[in-house]
Amino acid sequence: MSRLFVNLVVITMTAVTIVLKTDAAEHKKSYELTPQNQTVAFRPGTLADAQAVVGITGPENGWTVDAVQTTMQNPERYQWTMAVKDGQPVGCATCYLRFSDDQTAMLTSLAVDPSFRKQGIGQGLVRHELELAYKSGCYTVILDVEPDNIPAIKLYQKLGFKRWSKFTWQGVALQKMVHFANQEARATKVGNLQKEIAELKKQGRVTDVAGVEEVLKLLPEFP
């Protein structure tokens, strides 16, 4: 399965609030819905949704029915959310839990059917994925996006994500963004990166040490 990147752009209008609770604090977040979106329901993905996920995400994202079902059968690592309107799946998103450490999740897929975009569905999906990540103990959430996709970056910033580091993967330039649930989450991420640096030094991997030190240096503050 190829790596997926989040590139969704949505425009929204009417405010609605969702309350996200963690062991550390209660986090009130809001996302916006247009009138067309007020009948949209968000629910966990099931094996029966696999074909719909493939259709919504499109062939360029590399998902297959088998790959989707494999991740859905592993809820300890992958959490899928489906957006459904009138019984029809119109959007989907998933987080890879405990991605680089036990407290970090990665938003690996976010997509909305073209006919239902610009209705706030994407924001609702991200909010639900953040809540699932928090409930799983992942208070830091990261994503990768192409750096020239300014509308998408602005959307993620609106949702609390901040620009982090830039890198190239398989010849594609990417912007990493990060979302912290609270100050403690950032402190934990700093500690994990420092541990990684110490381990790399023990192994004599000088180049890798320099890379992780640069990533740590660029880690944004909270909030």
Protein backbone atom coordinates (compact mmCIF):
# COMPACT_ATOMS: atom_id res chain seq x y z
CA MET A 1 0.00 0.00 0.00
CA SER A 2 1.43 3.37 -0.95
CA ARG A 3 1.73 6.22 1.54
CA LEU A 4 -1.18 8.65 1.53
CA PHE A 5 -1.16 12.42 1.88
CA VAL A 6 -3.91 14.76 3.06
CA ASN A 7 -4.82 17.35 0.43
CA LEU A 8 -8.51 18.08 1.03
CA VAL A 9 -9.81 21.65 0.79
CA VAL A 10 -13.24 22.59 2.18
CA ILE A 11 -15.05 25.89 2.73
CA THR A 12 -17.55 26.23 5.58
CA MET A 13 -20.11 28.64 6.97
CA THR A 14 -22.23 27.74 10.05
CA ALA A 15 -20.53 27.06 13.41
CA VAL A 16 -21.14 23.89 15.46
CA THR A 17 -19.16 22.82 18.54
CA ILE A 18 -17.76 19.40 19.42
CA VAL A 19 -16.22 18.80 22.85
CA LEU A 20 -13.13 16.58 22.99
CA LYS A 21 -12.19 15.21 26.41
CA THR A 22 -8.83 13.77 27.47
CA ASP A 23 -7.45 12.62 30.81
CA ALA A 24 -5.54 15.89 31.11
CA ALA A 25 -8.18 18.42 30.13
CA GLU A 26 -11.34 19.16 28.21
CA HIS A 27 -10.65 20.54 24.75
CA LYS A 28 -13.43 22.51 23.11
CA LYS A 29 -13.08 22.64 19.36
CA SER A 30 -15.48 23.92 16.72
CA TYR A 31 -15.94 23.05 13.12
CA GLU A 32 -18.32 24.60 10.67
CA LEU A 33 -21.18 23.18 8.65
CA THR A 34 -23.13 24.55 5.73
CA PRO A 35 -26.89 23.98 5.68
CA GLN A 36 -26.45 21.04 3.26
CA ASN A 37 -24.20 19.29 5.79
CA GLN A 38 -26.44 19.44 8.84
CA THR A 39 -27.88 15.97 8.08
CA VAL A 40 -24.46 14.34 7.78
CA ALA A 41 -23.66 11.63 10.35
CA PHE A 42 -20.18 10.56 11.40
CA ARG A 43 -19.63 6.94 12.43
CA PRO A 44 -16.82 4.36 12.68
CA GLY A 45 -15.87 2.63 9.45
CA THR A 46 -16.81 -1.03 8.92
CA LEU A 47 -15.62 -3.74 6.54
CA ALA A 48 -18.70 -3.05 4.42
CA ASP A 49 -17.39 0.48 3.79
CA ALA A 50 -14.17 -0.67 2.09
CA GLN A 51 -15.44 -0.31 -1.48
CA ALA A 52 -16.87 3.13 -0.70
CA VAL A 53 -13.50 4.22 0.74
CA VAL A 54 -11.73 3.17 -2.45
CA GLY A 55 -14.24 5.11 -4.53
CA ILE A 56 -14.07 8.26 -2.39
CA THR A 57 -10.28 8.39 -2.07
CA GLY A 58 -9.67 7.71 -5.76
CA PRO A 59 -7.09 5.48 -7.46
CA GLU A 60 -4.28 8.03 -7.06
CA ASN A 61 -4.22 7.40 -3.30
CA GLY A 62 -3.45 3.71 -3.66
CA TRP A 63 -6.13 2.20 -1.43
CA THR A 64 -7.54 -1.19 -2.42
CA VAL A 65 -10.50 -2.99 -0.87
CA ASP A 66 -8.16 -5.57 0.68
CA ALA A 67 -5.87 -2.87 2.10
CA VAL A 68 -8.77 -0.94 3.61
CA GLN A 69 -10.28 -4.06 5.16
CA THR A 70 -6.89 -5.07 6.57
CA THR A 71 -6.57 -1.76 8.40
CA MET A 72 -10.19 -1.89 9.58
CA GLN A 73 -9.48 -5.29 11.12
CA ASN A 74 -6.70 -3.68 13.17
CA PRO A 75 -8.52 -1.00 15.23
CA GLU A 76 -5.67 -0.86 17.73
CA ARG A 77 -3.60 0.86 15.05
CA TYR A 78 -6.10 2.32 12.56
CA GLN A 79 -9.27 4.30 13.35
CA TRP A 80 -11.61 4.95 10.42
CA THR A 81 -14.40 7.54 10.40
CA MET A 82 -17.09 7.65 7.72
CA ALA A 83 -19.27 10.66 6.86
CA VAL A 84 -22.71 9.46 5.77
CA LYS A 85 -25.58 11.41 4.23
CA ASP A 86 -28.94 9.80 3.44
CA GLY A 87 -27.36 6.39 4.00
CA GLN A 88 -24.58 7.06 1.48
CA PRO A 89 -20.89 7.33 2.50
CA VAL A 90 -19.68 10.71 1.26
CA GLY A 91 -16.35 11.06 3.09
CA CYS A 92 -13.78 9.13 5.07
CA ALA A 93 -10.68 9.61 7.17
CA THR A 94 -8.26 7.46 9.12
CA CYS A 95 -5.52 7.88 11.70
CA TYR A 96 -2.58 5.54 12.16
CA LEU A 97 -2.29 5.29 15.95
CA ARG A 98 1.07 5.08 17.73
CA PHE A 99 2.79 6.04 14.49
CA SER A 100 6.29 7.08 15.61
CA ASP A 101 5.79 6.62 19.35
CA ASP A 102 2.99 5.60 21.72
CA GLN A 103 1.61 9.14 22.02
CA THR A 104 1.60 10.14 18.33
CA ALA A 105 -0.99 9.43 15.62
CA MET A 106 -0.77 10.27 11.93
CA LEU A 107 -3.73 11.41 9.86
CA THR A 108 -2.98 9.29 6.81
CA SER A 109 -6.15 9.67 4.75
CA LEU A 110 -8.87 12.30 4.38
CA ALA A 111 -11.26 12.47 1.44
CA VAL A 112 -14.72 13.78 0.57
CA ASP A 113 -16.76 12.88 -2.49
CA PRO A 114 -16.42 15.81 -4.95
CA SER A 115 -20.20 16.23 -5.03
CA PHE A 116 -20.26 16.91 -1.28
CA ARG A 117 -17.25 19.18 -0.83
CA LYS A 118 -17.38 22.73 0.50
CA GLN A 119 -19.89 21.66 3.14
CA GLY A 120 -17.61 21.30 6.18
CA ILE A 121 -17.53 17.51 6.02
CA GLY A 122 -13.74 17.41 5.92
CA GLN A 123 -13.50 19.45 9.10
CA GLY A 124 -15.98 17.16 10.82
CA LEU A 125 -13.95 14.11 9.82
CA VAL A 126 -10.73 15.61 11.17
CA ARG A 127 -12.44 16.53 14.44
CA HIS A 128 -13.66 12.96 14.89
CA GLU A 129 -10.21 11.57 14.11
CA LEU A 130 -8.66 13.91 16.69
CA GLU A 131 -11.14 12.71 19.28
CA LEU A 132 -10.37 9.06 18.48
CA ALA A 133 -6.64 9.75 18.71
CA TYR A 134 -7.06 11.41 22.12
CA LYS A 135 -9.16 8.52 23.42
CA SER A 136 -6.39 6.14 22.31
CA GLY A 137 -3.78 8.10 24.25
CA CYS A 138 -2.32 9.89 21.24
CA TYR A 139 -2.30 13.58 22.14
CA THR A 140 -0.04 14.55 19.22
CA VAL A 141 -1.36 14.17 15.66
CA ILE A 142 0.74 14.76 12.56
CA LEU A 143 0.06 14.86 8.81
CA ASP A 144 1.95 15.44 5.57
CA VAL A 145 0.74 17.82 2.87
CA GLU A 146 2.28 19.23 -0.30
CA PRO A 147 3.77 22.64 0.62
CA ASP A 148 2.20 24.44 -2.34
CA ASN A 149 -1.30 23.37 -1.30
CA ILE A 150 -1.89 26.63 0.54
CA PRO A 151 -5.70 26.30 0.91
CA ALA A 152 -5.27 22.91 2.59
CA ILE A 153 -2.54 24.20 4.88
CA LYS A 154 -4.78 27.10 5.91
CA LEU A 155 -7.55 24.63 6.71
CA TYR A 156 -5.29 22.53 8.92
CA GLN A 157 -4.01 25.64 10.66
CA LYS A 158 -7.62 26.58 11.37
CA LEU A 159 -8.05 23.18 12.98
CA GLY A 160 -5.04 23.70 15.24
CA PHE A 161 -2.25 22.16 13.15
CA LYS A 162 1.05 24.01 12.81
CA ARG A 163 3.75 23.82 10.17
CA TRP A 164 6.66 21.67 11.30
CA SER A 165 9.44 20.39 9.05
CA LYS A 166 9.76 19.95 5.28
CA PHE A 167 11.12 16.82 3.66
CA THR A 168 11.13 14.83 0.43
CA TRP A 169 9.64 11.34 0.13
CA GLN A 170 10.04 9.38 -3.11
CA GLY A 171 10.83 12.61 -4.93
CA VAL A 172 7.77 14.45 -3.59
CA ALA A 173 8.27 17.58 -1.48
CA LEU A 174 6.10 17.54 1.64
CA GLN A 175 5.24 19.79 4.56
CA LYS A 176 4.81 18.05 7.91
CA MET A 177 2.23 19.60 10.25
CA VAL A 178 1.57 18.83 13.90
CA HIS A 179 -1.35 19.22 16.31
CA PHE A 180 -0.86 19.10 20.09
CA ALA A 181 -3.82 18.47 22.40
CA ASN A 182 -2.06 20.33 25.20
CA GLN A 183 1.31 21.53 26.47
CA GLU A 184 2.01 18.14 28.03
CA ALA A 185 1.70 16.52 24.60
CA ARG A 186 4.41 18.79 23.20
CA ALA A 187 6.68 18.09 26.17
CA THR A 188 6.22 14.36 25.61
CA LYS A 189 7.11 14.72 21.92
CA VAL A 190 10.27 16.65 22.85
CA GLY A 191 11.25 13.90 25.28
CA ASN A 192 10.69 11.17 22.69
CA LEU A 193 12.80 12.99 20.11
CA GLN A 194 15.57 13.49 22.65
CA LYS A 195 15.52 9.75 23.42
CA GLU A 196 15.72 9.00 19.69
CA ILE A 197 18.73 11.31 19.35
CA ALA A 198 20.48 9.63 22.30
CA GLU A 199 19.91 6.16 20.80
CA LEU A 200 21.19 7.24 17.39
CA LYS A 201 24.32 8.67 19.01
CA LYS A 202 24.95 5.33 20.70
CA GLN A 203 24.76 3.69 17.28
CA GLY A 204 27.14 6.23 15.78
CA ARG A 205 24.59 7.33 13.16
CA VAL A 206 25.87 10.88 12.86
CA THR A 207 23.80 11.88 9.81
CA ASP A 208 20.57 10.60 11.36
CA VAL A 209 21.36 12.43 14.61
CA ALA A 210 21.69 15.71 12.73
CA GLY A 211 18.38 15.11 10.98
CA VAL A 212 16.42 14.43 14.16
CA GLU A 213 18.10 17.37 15.94
CA GLU A 214 16.89 19.65 13.14
CA VAL A 215 13.35 18.22 13.42
CA LEU A 216 13.43 18.88 17.18
CA LYS A 217 14.66 22.42 16.62
CA LEU A 218 11.76 23.12 14.26
CA LEU A 219 9.06 21.63 16.52
CA PRO A 220 6.42 24.38 16.96
CA GLU A 221 5.25 25.62 20.32
CA PHE A 222 1.83 24.97 21.86
CA PRO A 223 -0.66 26.45 21.22
